[in-house]
Amino acid sequence: AVPALREPAEQRLVRTCASAVAELVGEPGDRLLHWDLHYDNVLAGEREPWLAIDPEPLAGDPGFELLPALHNRWAEVVATGDVERAVLRRFDLLTEALGLDRRRASGWTLGRVLQNALWDIEDGKIHLEPAQIAIAGALLGRATG
């Protein structure tokens, strides 16, 4: 599937994401995940201050839930002028608020990028989505930098 991507850098990124999640597969997590948790699916409510709607239940590691929150309102991230810093700020806020191990959360977020990339390739796309390239790049840059 990866050779379908035109850019060698994107092919390498998909392989790197696969390697990151391969390290975690033996510990898949056992929590019930919403799996479609983004700002359009969180509403202010009267019964509770916030209600999460439209779940697509999945058992797994909570780190697998972070990509939509990192990707939402992408124009605001780009507008900061420093995409990597903005992504890492969101990632740090999420992992801190949820009490997640950053290394595991990063690996599972890269797994979610991998999943989306494979779906895009299956749909005939020959380039990865720029936002997901930037998110993966920021997380990988932190891991190596």
N, C-alpha and C. Protein backbone atom coordinates (compact mmCIF):
# COMPACT_ATOMS: atom_id res chain seq x y z
N ALA A 1 0.82 -1.21 0.00
CA ALA A 1 0.00 0.00 0.00
C ALA A 1 0.85 1.26 0.00
N VAL A 2 1.95 1.25 0.76
CA VAL A 2 2.77 2.44 0.90
C VAL A 2 3.36 2.92 -0.44
N PRO A 3 3.76 2.02 -1.35
CA PRO A 3 4.29 2.51 -2.64
C PRO A 3 3.30 3.35 -3.44
N ALA A 4 2.02 3.29 -3.11
CA ALA A 4 1.03 4.11 -3.81
C ALA A 4 1.25 5.60 -3.56
N LEU A 5 1.90 5.94 -2.46
CA LEU A 5 2.20 7.34 -2.18
C LEU A 5 3.32 7.81 -3.10
N ARG A 6 3.16 9.01 -3.64
CA ARG A 6 4.13 9.53 -4.61
C ARG A 6 5.43 10.01 -3.97
N GLU A 7 5.32 10.58 -2.78
CA GLU A 7 6.49 11.18 -2.14
C GLU A 7 7.23 10.17 -1.26
N PRO A 8 8.52 9.98 -1.49
CA PRO A 8 9.30 9.08 -0.65
C PRO A 8 9.26 9.46 0.84
N ALA A 9 9.23 10.76 1.13
CA ALA A 9 9.16 11.20 2.52
C ALA A 9 7.85 10.75 3.17
N GLU A 10 6.76 10.76 2.42
CA GLU A 10 5.47 10.30 2.95
C GLU A 10 5.49 8.78 3.14
N GLN A 11 6.13 8.07 2.24
CA GLN A 11 6.27 6.62 2.40
C GLN A 11 7.05 6.30 3.67
N ARG A 12 8.14 7.04 3.90
CA ARG A 12 8.94 6.83 5.12
C ARG A 12 8.12 7.15 6.36
N LEU A 13 7.32 8.22 6.30
CA LEU A 13 6.51 8.59 7.44
C LEU A 13 5.52 7.49 7.80
N VAL A 14 4.87 6.91 6.81
CA VAL A 14 3.92 5.82 7.07
C VAL A 14 4.65 4.63 7.69
N ARG A 15 5.81 4.31 7.19
CA ARG A 15 6.59 3.20 7.76
C ARG A 15 7.02 3.51 9.20
N THR A 16 7.38 4.74 9.46
CA THR A 16 7.78 5.15 10.81
C THR A 16 6.58 5.05 11.77
N CYS A 17 5.42 5.47 11.31
CA CYS A 17 4.21 5.34 12.13
C CYS A 17 3.93 3.87 12.42
N ALA A 18 4.10 3.02 11.43
CA ALA A 18 3.88 1.58 11.62
C ALA A 18 4.85 1.02 12.66
N SER A 19 6.10 1.45 12.60
CA SER A 19 7.09 1.00 13.58
C SER A 19 6.73 1.46 14.99
N ALA A 20 6.26 2.70 15.10
CA ALA A 20 5.91 3.24 16.42
C ALA A 20 4.77 2.46 17.05
N VAL A 21 3.75 2.14 16.28
CA VAL A 21 2.62 1.41 16.84
C VAL A 21 2.97 -0.07 17.04
N ALA A 22 3.89 -0.61 16.23
CA ALA A 22 4.30 -2.01 16.40
C ALA A 22 4.90 -2.25 17.78
N GLU A 23 5.56 -1.23 18.32
CA GLU A 23 6.15 -1.34 19.66
C GLU A 23 5.09 -1.43 20.74
N LEU A 24 3.87 -1.01 20.45
CA LEU A 24 2.80 -0.95 21.46
C LEU A 24 1.74 -2.02 21.29
N VAL A 25 1.76 -2.74 20.20
CA VAL A 25 0.69 -3.68 19.88
C VAL A 25 0.49 -4.72 20.99
N GLY A 26 1.55 -5.09 21.66
CA GLY A 26 1.44 -6.06 22.76
C GLY A 26 0.69 -5.53 23.97
N GLU A 27 0.49 -4.22 24.03
CA GLU A 27 -0.24 -3.58 25.13
C GLU A 27 -1.33 -2.69 24.53
N PRO A 28 -2.39 -3.29 23.98
CA PRO A 28 -3.37 -2.51 23.22
C PRO A 28 -4.29 -1.63 24.08
N GLY A 29 -4.31 -1.82 25.37
CA GLY A 29 -5.21 -1.04 26.21
C GLY A 29 -6.55 -1.71 26.34
N ASP A 30 -7.25 -1.37 27.40
CA ASP A 30 -8.52 -2.04 27.68
C ASP A 30 -9.62 -1.07 28.09
N ARG A 31 -9.49 0.17 27.69
CA ARG A 31 -10.52 1.16 28.03
C ARG A 31 -11.50 1.32 26.88
N LEU A 32 -12.70 1.67 27.23
CA LEU A 32 -13.71 1.96 26.21
C LEU A 32 -13.44 3.36 25.68
N LEU A 33 -13.25 3.46 24.38
CA LEU A 33 -12.95 4.73 23.74
C LEU A 33 -14.17 5.23 22.97
N HIS A 34 -14.28 6.53 22.86
CA HIS A 34 -15.33 7.16 22.07
C HIS A 34 -15.04 6.97 20.59
N TRP A 35 -13.82 7.17 20.19
CA TRP A 35 -13.22 6.98 18.88
C TRP A 35 -13.58 8.05 17.85
N ASP A 36 -14.52 8.91 18.15
CA ASP A 36 -14.84 10.02 17.24
C ASP A 36 -14.99 11.30 18.05
N LEU A 37 -14.11 11.46 19.03
CA LEU A 37 -14.22 12.57 19.96
C LEU A 37 -13.51 13.80 19.40
N HIS A 38 -14.29 14.70 18.86
CA HIS A 38 -13.78 15.98 18.36
C HIS A 38 -14.79 17.05 18.75
N TYR A 39 -14.44 18.30 18.52
CA TYR A 39 -15.25 19.38 19.08
C TYR A 39 -16.69 19.41 18.58
N ASP A 40 -16.97 18.89 17.40
CA ASP A 40 -18.35 18.83 16.93
C ASP A 40 -19.18 17.80 17.70
N ASN A 41 -18.50 16.88 18.38
CA ASN A 41 -19.20 15.83 19.13
C ASN A 41 -19.16 16.06 20.63
N VAL A 42 -18.82 17.27 21.06
CA VAL A 42 -18.87 17.64 22.47
C VAL A 42 -19.77 18.87 22.57
N LEU A 43 -20.85 18.71 23.30
CA LEU A 43 -21.86 19.77 23.39
C LEU A 43 -22.02 20.25 24.82
N ALA A 44 -22.32 21.52 24.99
CA ALA A 44 -22.71 22.03 26.30
C ALA A 44 -24.10 21.49 26.60
N GLY A 45 -24.34 21.14 27.86
CA GLY A 45 -25.62 20.56 28.19
C GLY A 45 -26.17 21.08 29.50
N GLU A 46 -27.42 20.75 29.76
CA GLU A 46 -28.04 21.13 31.02
C GLU A 46 -27.92 20.00 32.03
N ARG A 47 -28.08 18.77 31.57
CA ARG A 47 -27.96 17.60 32.45
C ARG A 47 -26.55 17.49 33.02
N GLU A 48 -25.55 17.72 32.18
CA GLU A 48 -24.13 17.75 32.54
C GLU A 48 -23.52 18.96 31.83
N PRO A 49 -22.42 19.51 32.36
CA PRO A 49 -21.83 20.67 31.68
C PRO A 49 -21.41 20.36 30.25
N TRP A 50 -20.94 19.14 30.01
CA TRP A 50 -20.50 18.74 28.68
C TRP A 50 -21.00 17.35 28.39
N LEU A 51 -21.45 17.15 27.17
CA LEU A 51 -21.92 15.84 26.73
C LEU A 51 -21.18 15.43 25.46
N ALA A 52 -20.64 14.22 25.47
CA ALA A 52 -20.01 13.68 24.26
C ALA A 52 -21.07 12.86 23.53
N ILE A 53 -21.26 13.18 22.27
CA ILE A 53 -22.29 12.51 21.48
C ILE A 53 -21.66 11.69 20.36
N ASP A 54 -22.47 10.88 19.71
CA ASP A 54 -22.10 10.14 18.51
C ASP A 54 -20.86 9.26 18.68
N PRO A 55 -20.82 8.46 19.76
CA PRO A 55 -19.66 7.60 19.95
C PRO A 55 -19.62 6.47 18.92
N GLU A 56 -18.41 6.04 18.63
CA GLU A 56 -18.18 4.85 17.83
C GLU A 56 -17.31 3.95 18.71
N PRO A 57 -17.93 3.24 19.66
CA PRO A 57 -17.18 2.54 20.72
C PRO A 57 -16.12 1.58 20.19
N LEU A 58 -14.99 1.61 20.89
CA LEU A 58 -13.85 0.80 20.54
C LEU A 58 -13.04 0.59 21.81
N ALA A 59 -12.56 -0.61 22.05
CA ALA A 59 -11.69 -0.86 23.19
C ALA A 59 -10.26 -0.60 22.76
N GLY A 60 -9.50 0.09 23.61
CA GLY A 60 -8.11 0.35 23.26
C GLY A 60 -7.42 1.25 24.25
N ASP A 61 -6.33 1.83 23.82
CA ASP A 61 -5.54 2.74 24.63
C ASP A 61 -6.05 4.16 24.41
N PRO A 62 -6.17 4.97 25.47
CA PRO A 62 -6.68 6.33 25.30
C PRO A 62 -5.82 7.21 24.38
N GLY A 63 -4.56 6.87 24.19
CA GLY A 63 -3.73 7.63 23.28
C GLY A 63 -4.24 7.58 21.85
N PHE A 64 -5.03 6.55 21.54
CA PHE A 64 -5.61 6.41 20.21
C PHE A 64 -6.71 7.45 19.96
N GLU A 65 -7.15 8.12 21.02
CA GLU A 65 -8.22 9.12 20.92
C GLU A 65 -7.73 10.53 20.61
N LEU A 66 -6.44 10.78 20.67
CA LEU A 66 -5.95 12.15 20.66
C LEU A 66 -5.92 12.82 19.29
N LEU A 67 -5.76 12.07 18.23
CA LEU A 67 -5.58 12.69 16.91
C LEU A 67 -6.70 13.66 16.53
N PRO A 68 -7.97 13.33 16.72
CA PRO A 68 -9.00 14.31 16.34
C PRO A 68 -8.85 15.65 17.06
N ALA A 69 -8.49 15.62 18.34
CA ALA A 69 -8.33 16.87 19.07
C ALA A 69 -7.10 17.65 18.60
N LEU A 70 -6.09 16.94 18.14
CA LEU A 70 -4.90 17.62 17.60
C LEU A 70 -5.19 18.21 16.23
N HIS A 71 -6.07 17.58 15.50
CA HIS A 71 -6.38 17.96 14.12
C HIS A 71 -7.51 18.99 14.03
N ASN A 72 -8.41 19.02 15.02
CA ASN A 72 -9.55 19.93 14.97
C ASN A 72 -9.10 21.38 14.92
N ARG A 73 -9.88 22.15 14.18
CA ARG A 73 -9.63 23.58 14.03
C ARG A 73 -8.20 23.83 13.55
N TRP A 74 -7.82 23.08 12.53
CA TRP A 74 -6.45 23.12 12.03
C TRP A 74 -6.05 24.51 11.58
N ALA A 75 -6.97 25.29 11.04
CA ALA A 75 -6.64 26.65 10.61
C ALA A 75 -6.10 27.48 11.77
N GLU A 76 -6.63 27.25 12.98
CA GLU A 76 -6.13 27.97 14.16
C GLU A 76 -4.70 27.56 14.48
N VAL A 77 -4.39 26.29 14.30
CA VAL A 77 -3.03 25.80 14.53
C VAL A 77 -2.08 26.46 13.54
N VAL A 78 -2.46 26.45 12.27
CA VAL A 78 -1.62 27.04 11.23
C VAL A 78 -1.44 28.53 11.47
N ALA A 79 -2.48 29.20 11.93
CA ALA A 79 -2.44 30.64 12.16
C ALA A 79 -1.43 31.03 13.24
N THR A 80 -1.05 30.09 14.11
CA THR A 80 -0.07 30.42 15.15
C THR A 80 1.29 30.74 14.55
N GLY A 81 1.54 30.25 13.33
CA GLY A 81 2.83 30.46 12.69
C GLY A 81 3.88 29.44 13.09
N ASP A 82 3.61 28.68 14.13
CA ASP A 82 4.54 27.64 14.58
C ASP A 82 3.72 26.38 14.83
N VAL A 83 3.47 25.65 13.76
CA VAL A 83 2.60 24.47 13.81
C VAL A 83 3.13 23.43 14.80
N GLU A 84 4.42 23.16 14.73
CA GLU A 84 4.98 22.14 15.63
C GLU A 84 4.74 22.50 17.09
N ARG A 85 5.02 23.73 17.43
CA ARG A 85 4.82 24.16 18.83
C ARG A 85 3.34 24.07 19.22
N ALA A 86 2.44 24.49 18.34
CA ALA A 86 1.01 24.44 18.64
C ALA A 86 0.53 22.99 18.80
N VAL A 87 1.00 22.09 17.95
CA VAL A 87 0.63 20.68 18.06
C VAL A 87 1.13 20.12 19.38
N LEU A 88 2.38 20.38 19.71
CA LEU A 88 2.94 19.84 20.95
C LEU A 88 2.26 20.44 22.18
N ARG A 89 1.85 21.68 22.10
CA ARG A 89 1.12 22.30 23.22
C ARG A 89 -0.21 21.57 23.43
N ARG A 90 -0.94 21.35 22.35
CA ARG A 90 -2.20 20.61 22.47
C ARG A 90 -1.96 19.20 23.01
N PHE A 91 -0.96 18.54 22.46
CA PHE A 91 -0.64 17.18 22.89
C PHE A 91 -0.30 17.15 24.38
N ASP A 92 0.52 18.09 24.84
CA ASP A 92 0.88 18.14 26.25
C ASP A 92 -0.32 18.42 27.14
N LEU A 93 -1.18 19.34 26.72
CA LEU A 93 -2.39 19.63 27.50
C LEU A 93 -3.28 18.39 27.61
N LEU A 94 -3.47 17.70 26.49
CA LEU A 94 -4.32 16.51 26.50
C LEU A 94 -3.73 15.40 27.36
N THR A 95 -2.46 15.12 27.19
CA THR A 95 -1.87 14.02 27.96
C THR A 95 -1.81 14.35 29.44
N GLU A 96 -1.58 15.61 29.77
CA GLU A 96 -1.57 16.01 31.18
C GLU A 96 -2.96 15.90 31.79
N ALA A 97 -3.96 16.44 31.10
CA ALA A 97 -5.33 16.40 31.62
C ALA A 97 -5.85 14.97 31.79
N LEU A 98 -5.42 14.09 30.89
CA LEU A 98 -5.89 12.70 30.93
C LEU A 98 -4.97 11.78 31.71
N GLY A 99 -3.83 12.31 32.16
CA GLY A 99 -2.89 11.49 32.92
C GLY A 99 -2.27 10.38 32.09
N LEU A 100 -1.97 10.66 30.83
CA LEU A 100 -1.44 9.64 29.93
C LEU A 100 0.08 9.70 29.86
N ASP A 101 0.69 8.54 29.68
CA ASP A 101 2.11 8.45 29.41
C ASP A 101 2.35 9.03 28.01
N ARG A 102 3.20 10.03 27.92
CA ARG A 102 3.39 10.73 26.64
C ARG A 102 3.98 9.83 25.55
N ARG A 103 4.88 8.95 25.91
CA ARG A 103 5.49 8.06 24.92
C ARG A 103 4.43 7.14 24.32
N ARG A 104 3.61 6.53 25.17
CA ARG A 104 2.54 5.64 24.68
C ARG A 104 1.52 6.43 23.87
N ALA A 105 1.12 7.59 24.39
CA ALA A 105 0.13 8.41 23.69
C ALA A 105 0.66 8.84 22.32
N SER A 106 1.94 9.15 22.24
CA SER A 106 2.54 9.52 20.96
C SER A 106 2.49 8.33 20.00
N GLY A 107 2.86 7.15 20.47
CA GLY A 107 2.83 5.95 19.63
C GLY A 107 1.44 5.64 19.11
N TRP A 108 0.45 5.74 19.99
CA TRP A 108 -0.92 5.44 19.56
C TRP A 108 -1.47 6.52 18.64
N THR A 109 -1.06 7.77 18.86
CA THR A 109 -1.47 8.84 17.95
C THR A 109 -0.87 8.60 16.57
N LEU A 110 0.38 8.17 16.53
CA LEU A 110 1.00 7.82 15.25
C LEU A 110 0.29 6.63 14.61
N GLY A 111 -0.21 5.74 15.45
CA GLY A 111 -1.01 4.62 14.93
C GLY A 111 -2.29 5.10 14.27
N ARG A 112 -2.88 6.12 14.84
CA ARG A 112 -4.10 6.69 14.25
C ARG A 112 -3.77 7.39 12.93
N VAL A 113 -2.62 8.07 12.86
CA VAL A 113 -2.17 8.66 11.59
C VAL A 113 -1.98 7.55 10.56
N LEU A 114 -1.37 6.45 10.99
CA LEU A 114 -1.18 5.31 10.10
C LEU A 114 -2.52 4.79 9.58
N GLN A 115 -3.47 4.62 10.47
CA GLN A 115 -4.79 4.14 10.07
C GLN A 115 -5.41 5.06 9.02
N ASN A 116 -5.39 6.35 9.28
CA ASN A 116 -5.96 7.31 8.34
C ASN A 116 -5.22 7.29 7.01
N ALA A 117 -3.90 7.17 7.07
CA ALA A 117 -3.10 7.13 5.83
C ALA A 117 -3.48 5.90 5.00
N LEU A 118 -3.62 4.76 5.65
CA LEU A 118 -3.97 3.54 4.91
C LEU A 118 -5.37 3.64 4.31
N TRP A 119 -6.29 4.26 5.04
CA TRP A 119 -7.63 4.47 4.48
C TRP A 119 -7.56 5.39 3.26
N ASP A 120 -6.76 6.46 3.38
CA ASP A 120 -6.62 7.39 2.25
C ASP A 120 -6.02 6.70 1.03
N ILE A 121 -5.00 5.88 1.25
CA ILE A 121 -4.38 5.14 0.15
C ILE A 121 -5.40 4.20 -0.47
N GLU A 122 -6.16 3.53 0.38
CA GLU A 122 -7.20 2.62 -0.12
C GLU A 122 -8.22 3.37 -0.97
N ASP A 123 -8.47 4.63 -0.62
CA ASP A 123 -9.41 5.47 -1.37
C ASP A 123 -8.78 6.07 -2.64
N GLY A 124 -7.53 5.71 -2.92
CA GLY A 124 -6.89 6.16 -4.14
C GLY A 124 -6.06 7.42 -4.02
N LYS A 125 -5.90 7.95 -2.82
CA LYS A 125 -5.10 9.16 -2.67
C LYS A 125 -3.61 8.82 -2.81
N ILE A 126 -2.86 9.75 -3.35
CA ILE A 126 -1.43 9.52 -3.56
C ILE A 126 -0.58 10.44 -2.69
N HIS A 127 -1.24 11.26 -1.86
CA HIS A 127 -0.54 12.13 -0.90
C HIS A 127 -1.25 12.06 0.44
N LEU A 128 -0.49 12.19 1.50
CA LEU A 128 -1.06 12.22 2.84
C LEU A 128 -1.62 13.61 3.13
N GLU A 129 -2.54 13.66 4.05
CA GLU A 129 -3.13 14.94 4.45
C GLU A 129 -2.08 15.79 5.16
N PRO A 130 -1.89 17.04 4.75
CA PRO A 130 -0.84 17.88 5.35
C PRO A 130 -0.93 18.00 6.88
N ALA A 131 -2.13 18.11 7.42
CA ALA A 131 -2.26 18.23 8.87
C ALA A 131 -1.72 16.99 9.58
N GLN A 132 -2.00 15.84 9.03
CA GLN A 132 -1.52 14.62 9.68
C GLN A 132 -0.01 14.46 9.52
N ILE A 133 0.54 14.92 8.41
CA ILE A 133 2.00 14.92 8.25
C ILE A 133 2.62 15.82 9.33
N ALA A 134 2.03 16.99 9.53
CA ALA A 134 2.56 17.94 10.52
C ALA A 134 2.45 17.40 11.93
N ILE A 135 1.33 16.77 12.25
CA ILE A 135 1.14 16.21 13.60
C ILE A 135 2.15 15.10 13.84
N ALA A 136 2.26 14.18 12.90
CA ALA A 136 3.22 13.08 13.04
C ALA A 136 4.64 13.64 13.14
N GLY A 137 4.95 14.61 12.30
CA GLY A 137 6.29 15.21 12.32
C GLY A 137 6.62 15.85 13.66
N ALA A 138 5.64 16.55 14.24
CA ALA A 138 5.87 17.17 15.54
C ALA A 138 6.13 16.13 16.61
N LEU A 139 5.32 15.08 16.63
CA LEU A 139 5.51 14.03 17.64
C LEU A 139 6.82 13.28 17.44
N LEU A 140 7.15 13.00 16.20
CA LEU A 140 8.41 12.30 15.92
C LEU A 140 9.61 13.20 16.19
N GLY A 141 9.48 14.49 15.92
CA GLY A 141 10.56 15.42 16.20
C GLY A 141 10.86 15.50 17.68
N ARG A 142 9.82 15.45 18.50
CA ARG A 142 10.02 15.47 19.95
C ARG A 142 10.72 14.20 20.39
N ALA A 143 10.32 13.06 19.81
CA ALA A 143 10.88 11.78 20.22
C ALA A 143 12.37 11.70 19.88
N THR A 144 12.77 12.35 18.80
CA THR A 144 14.16 12.25 18.38
C THR A 144 14.98 13.48 18.76
N GLY A 145 14.29 14.57 19.09
CA GLY A 145 15.01 15.81 19.33
C GLY A 145 15.28 16.11 20.77
